[in-house]
C-alpha cells in the first residue's frame, strides 16, 4: 500500500512512517517546511512539500495520485494561536478529505483528540480570550473536522487518543466510544493507525484509546 500522512513531520507521523516502511509499504509524508524533508526521508518516507493552509483540493489531489490511504496527523501545534487551530486542525483535515474524494482515495484515518466533543461553545471562539480558551478552540476544531468526516461516504476511522507520552510502546490498549482518561505512547497511536489501515478494521468507527491490556489488533477487531 501507499499511505500518505498529512503533518508528516509530527512525532506520531514520523513513528508511523517508520512502521509503514518496516511493514513493506510506501509512506508519503506531507510536510509544509522543506527543511523537514530529510527527517521524513530518514524514516523511509517520500516527502511531498505542501502547505495545507495554502493549497486547494485540486492541487492536493494531484499530489496524492497513486495513494491508497490517507492519515491526518497534522496540527498547528503549541503556541500557534486559536485561528490556526481552525485553519490547520479543522480546515486541513477537511481539505485532505476533499482531495481524497476528488482523486478516488477511499480510506481515511483521522488522529483526533479525546473528548473533543466536550468543548465549551461559549469559550471556543476566535479571537480567544485566554490560553485556556485556545484549547477549547482546538477541541472545537477537532470535533468539527470529525463531524465533517463522519458525514462522508469515505471508509473513515477516527482515532481519539488520550494524553500522549513518549514512553516505550506497549502494544496493548483500551478502546471504546469513550474510555476513562489516561495516557498512551505516541508509538502505540501510530501502531493503532497502521493496523486500522493494513487490517482494514474499525471502518466507520470513532473511538477513544489509551494504554490498556488488549493487543492492538484484537482491540480494533472488537470495534468493527
Foldseek 3Di string as FASTA:
>chain_A
DEEEEEQCQDPLNLLLLLVQVVVPHAYEYEAQDPVCQVVSVVSVYHYDHDDLLPDALVVVLVVCPPHQEYEYPRACDPPNALVRLQSPLAVSLVSVVSNCVVNVHQEYEYEAAAPLVVADVVQLDPPHPDPVSSVSVNSVRRVNNVVVVLPDNGQYEYEHEAAEDQDDADQAKDKDQHDPHAYHYSSNVSVLVVCCVVVVFRGSHYMYMHHDHHGSNVNRNVND
